[in-house]
Amino acid sequence: MKSMMVIATLLISFTGLVQAGAGHELKPMHGGIIVEAKDIDVELVTKPDSLSLYLTDHGKPIPPDGGTAKLTVLIGSEKKDFELLPNEGKLEVKGNFTIPKGTKAIAVIKIKAKVITARFNL
């Protein structure tokens, strides 16, 4: 009888864990690609004139003040590195960009004594 109680308790606790994780969907808020890294949502937005990273924690924006990011963009065998700096609530670099489908990008973000690495498939 005790073993049945233990099994029932374990099953109930595992069911709660599954339900807790099911509701966390990543939804881009700025029209980009979003990934989760170290409990932070990182959204990469590519436009012809800028590359931007938006950081959120449970839907709340994280101000990038004092932070920086290095974005490595891999287009086929070509590799380009960009430094993104804080600009109006995001980390950003301005320029002329052509990012074709199938491009891969890796962002190394340094903010508030944390280093976050995010990988994107565009």
C-alpha atoms as a PDB file:
ATOM      1  CA  MET A   1       0.000   0.000   0.000  1.00  0.00           C
ATOM      2  CA  LYS A   2       2.847   2.394   0.811  1.00  0.00           C
ATOM      3  CA  SER A   3       4.452   1.732  -2.556  1.00  0.00           C
ATOM      4  CA  MET A   4       1.173   2.636  -4.309  1.00  0.00           C
ATOM      5  CA  MET A   5       1.077   5.950  -2.419  1.00  0.00           C
ATOM      6  CA  VAL A   6       4.680   6.706  -3.376  1.00  0.00           C
ATOM      7  CA  ILE A   7       4.000   5.923  -7.046  1.00  0.00           C
ATOM      8  CA  ALA A   8       0.845   8.059  -7.053  1.00  0.00           C
ATOM      9  CA  THR A   9       2.713  10.967  -5.454  1.00  0.00           C
ATOM     10  CA  LEU A  10       5.524  10.731  -8.009  1.00  0.00           C
ATOM     11  CA  LEU A  11       3.086  10.639 -10.927  1.00  0.00           C
ATOM     12  CA  ILE A  12       1.257  13.705  -9.668  1.00  0.00           C
ATOM     13  CA  SER A  13       4.506  15.658  -9.211  1.00  0.00           C
ATOM     14  CA  PHE A  14       5.765  14.800 -12.723  1.00  0.00           C
ATOM     15  CA  THR A  15       2.429  15.841 -14.236  1.00  0.00           C
ATOM     16  CA  GLY A  16       2.791  19.261 -12.617  1.00  0.00           C
ATOM     17  CA  LEU A  17       6.253  19.713 -14.147  1.00  0.00           C
ATOM     18  CA  VAL A  18       4.988  18.923 -17.632  1.00  0.00           C
ATOM     19  CA  GLN A  19       2.114  21.377 -17.311  1.00  0.00           C
ATOM     20  CA  ALA A  20       4.392  24.130 -16.020  1.00  0.00           C
ATOM     21  CA  GLY A  21       6.661  23.935 -19.068  1.00  0.00           C
ATOM     22  CA  ALA A  22       3.949  23.664 -21.701  1.00  0.00           C
ATOM     23  CA  GLY A  23       2.704  27.254 -21.466  1.00  0.00           C
ATOM     24  CA  HIS A  24       6.018  28.975 -22.248  1.00  0.00           C
ATOM     25  CA  GLU A  25       5.924  29.750 -25.956  1.00  0.00           C
ATOM     26  CA  LEU A  26       8.438  32.101 -27.498  1.00  0.00           C
ATOM     27  CA  LYS A  27       6.641  34.811 -29.463  1.00  0.00           C
ATOM     28  CA  PRO A  28       8.637  37.509 -31.250  1.00  0.00           C
ATOM     29  CA  MET A  29       7.516  41.001 -30.255  1.00  0.00           C
ATOM     30  CA  HIS A  30       9.439  42.907 -32.952  1.00  0.00           C
ATOM     31  CA  GLY A  31       9.039  40.682 -36.020  1.00  0.00           C
ATOM     32  CA  GLY A  32      12.310  38.790 -35.623  1.00  0.00           C
ATOM     33  CA  ILE A  33      13.546  35.335 -34.667  1.00  0.00           C
ATOM     34  CA  ILE A  34      13.491  34.543 -30.951  1.00  0.00           C
ATOM     35  CA  VAL A  35      15.440  31.989 -28.908  1.00  0.00           C
ATOM     36  CA  GLU A  36      15.847  31.344 -25.195  1.00  0.00           C
ATOM     37  CA  ALA A  37      19.315  31.496 -23.639  1.00  0.00           C
ATOM     38  CA  LYS A  38      19.988  31.321 -19.878  1.00  0.00           C
ATOM     39  CA  ASP A  39      16.321  32.054 -19.081  1.00  0.00           C
ATOM     40  CA  ILE A  40      16.453  35.217 -21.228  1.00  0.00           C
ATOM     41  CA  ASP A  41      14.482  35.576 -24.470  1.00  0.00           C
ATOM     42  CA  VAL A  42      16.706  37.002 -27.213  1.00  0.00           C
ATOM     43  CA  GLU A  43      15.072  38.315 -30.394  1.00  0.00           C
ATOM     44  CA  LEU A  44      17.165  39.038 -33.487  1.00  0.00           C
ATOM     45  CA  VAL A  45      15.580  41.483 -35.933  1.00  0.00           C
ATOM     46  CA  THR A  46      17.234  41.824 -39.335  1.00  0.00           C
ATOM     47  CA  LYS A  47      16.375  44.792 -41.540  1.00  0.00           C
ATOM     48  CA  PRO A  48      18.132  46.116 -44.652  1.00  0.00           C
ATOM     49  CA  ASP A  49      19.551  49.026 -42.595  1.00  0.00           C
ATOM     50  CA  SER A  50      20.058  47.477 -39.127  1.00  0.00           C
ATOM     51  CA  LEU A  51      20.608  44.363 -37.022  1.00  0.00           C
ATOM     52  CA  SER A  52      18.980  44.495 -33.577  1.00  0.00           C
ATOM     53  CA  LEU A  53      18.802  42.318 -30.466  1.00  0.00           C
ATOM     54  CA  TYR A  54      15.938  42.696 -27.994  1.00  0.00           C
ATOM     55  CA  LEU A  55      16.216  41.052 -24.559  1.00  0.00           C
ATOM     56  CA  THR A  56      13.263  40.101 -22.371  1.00  0.00           C
ATOM     57  CA  ASP A  57      12.761  38.168 -19.153  1.00  0.00           C
ATOM     58  CA  HIS A  58       9.275  36.656 -18.877  1.00  0.00           C
ATOM     59  CA  GLY A  59       7.945  39.259 -21.322  1.00  0.00           C
ATOM     60  CA  LYS A  60       9.546  42.219 -19.527  1.00  0.00           C
ATOM     61  CA  PRO A  61      12.177  44.157 -21.511  1.00  0.00           C
ATOM     62  CA  ILE A  62      15.718  44.110 -20.146  1.00  0.00           C
ATOM     63  CA  PRO A  63      17.379  47.515 -20.655  1.00  0.00           C
ATOM     64  CA  PRO A  64      20.678  47.001 -22.514  1.00  0.00           C
ATOM     65  CA  ASP A  65      22.336  50.019 -20.849  1.00  0.00           C
ATOM     66  CA  GLY A  66      26.071  49.413 -20.561  1.00  0.00           C
ATOM     67  CA  GLY A  67      25.835  46.162 -22.507  1.00  0.00           C
ATOM     68  CA  THR A  68      27.397  45.082 -25.776  1.00  0.00           C
ATOM     69  CA  ALA A  69      26.976  42.210 -28.175  1.00  0.00           C
ATOM     70  CA  LYS A  70      29.094  40.574 -30.835  1.00  0.00           C
ATOM     71  CA  LEU A  71      26.983  39.121 -33.638  1.00  0.00           C
ATOM     72  CA  THR A  72      28.674  36.611 -35.929  1.00  0.00           C
ATOM     73  CA  VAL A  73      26.740  36.030 -39.143  1.00  0.00           C
ATOM     74  CA  LEU A  74      27.512  32.919 -41.206  1.00  0.00           C
ATOM     75  CA  ILE A  75      26.326  33.080 -44.826  1.00  0.00           C
ATOM     76  CA  GLY A  76      27.519  29.860 -46.466  1.00  0.00           C
ATOM     77  CA  SER A  77      31.293  29.826 -45.934  1.00  0.00           C
ATOM     78  CA  GLU A  78      31.439  33.608 -45.396  1.00  0.00           C
ATOM     79  CA  LYS A  79      31.718  34.941 -41.835  1.00  0.00           C
ATOM     80  CA  LYS A  80      31.009  38.527 -40.746  1.00  0.00           C
ATOM     81  CA  ASP A  81      31.300  39.984 -37.236  1.00  0.00           C
ATOM     82  CA  PHE A  82      29.345  43.000 -35.991  1.00  0.00           C
ATOM     83  CA  GLU A  83      29.434  44.873 -32.680  1.00  0.00           C
ATOM     84  CA  LEU A  84      26.008  45.915 -31.394  1.00  0.00           C
ATOM     85  CA  LEU A  85      25.658  48.758 -28.910  1.00  0.00           C
ATOM     86  CA  PRO A  86      22.727  50.020 -26.815  1.00  0.00           C
ATOM     87  CA  ASN A  87      20.223  52.149 -28.734  1.00  0.00           C
ATOM     88  CA  GLU A  88      16.684  52.930 -27.552  1.00  0.00           C
ATOM     89  CA  GLY A  89      15.997  49.735 -25.592  1.00  0.00           C
ATOM     90  CA  LYS A  90      17.893  47.327 -27.823  1.00  0.00           C
ATOM     91  CA  LEU A  91      21.401  46.406 -28.926  1.00  0.00           C
ATOM     92  CA  GLU A  92      21.891  47.536 -32.518  1.00  0.00           C
ATOM     93  CA  VAL A  93      24.266  48.126 -35.409  1.00  0.00           C
ATOM     94  CA  LYS A  94      23.352  50.265 -38.420  1.00  0.00           C
ATOM     95  CA  GLY A  95      24.543  49.680 -41.978  1.00  0.00           C
ATOM     96  CA  ASN A  96      23.538  47.928 -45.194  1.00  0.00           C
ATOM     97  CA  PHE A  97      22.704  44.260 -44.667  1.00  0.00           C
ATOM     98  CA  THR A  98      21.549  41.446 -46.921  1.00  0.00           C
ATOM     99  CA  ILE A  99      20.676  38.383 -44.851  1.00  0.00           C
ATOM    100  CA  PRO A 100      19.515  35.493 -47.068  1.00  0.00           C
ATOM    101  CA  LYS A 101      17.361  32.615 -45.870  1.00  0.00           C
ATOM    102  CA  GLY A 102      19.444  29.819 -44.336  1.00  0.00           C
ATOM    103  CA  THR A 103      21.877  32.227 -42.662  1.00  0.00           C
ATOM    104  CA  LYS A 104      23.113  31.276 -39.196  1.00  0.00           C
ATOM    105  CA  ALA A 105      23.963  33.824 -36.518  1.00  0.00           C
ATOM    106  CA  ILE A 106      25.569  33.621 -33.086  1.00  0.00           C
ATOM    107  CA  ALA A 107      25.200  36.460 -30.583  1.00  0.00           C
ATOM    108  CA  VAL A 108      27.481  36.791 -27.562  1.00  0.00           C
ATOM    109  CA  ILE A 109      25.826  39.340 -25.293  1.00  0.00           C
ATOM    110  CA  LYS A 110      27.512  40.941 -22.278  1.00  0.00           C
ATOM    111  CA  ILE A 111      25.095  42.714 -19.989  1.00  0.00           C
ATOM    112  CA  LYS A 112      25.078  43.330 -16.227  1.00  0.00           C
ATOM    113  CA  ALA A 113      27.978  40.942 -15.482  1.00  0.00           C
ATOM    114  CA  LYS A 114      26.269  38.173 -17.488  1.00  0.00           C
ATOM    115  CA  VAL A 115      27.413  36.603 -20.727  1.00  0.00           C
ATOM    116  CA  ILE A 116      24.633  35.124 -22.847  1.00  0.00           C
ATOM    117  CA  THR A 117      25.161  33.154 -26.055  1.00  0.00           C
ATOM    118  CA  ALA A 118      22.244  32.797 -28.461  1.00  0.00           C
ATOM    119  CA  ARG A 119      22.182  30.852 -31.746  1.00  0.00           C
ATOM    120  CA  PHE A 120      19.813  31.690 -34.596  1.00  0.00           C
ATOM    121  CA  ASN A 121      18.817  29.943 -37.833  1.00  0.00           C
ATOM    122  CA  LEU A 122      17.366  32.593 -40.126  1.00  0.00           C
END
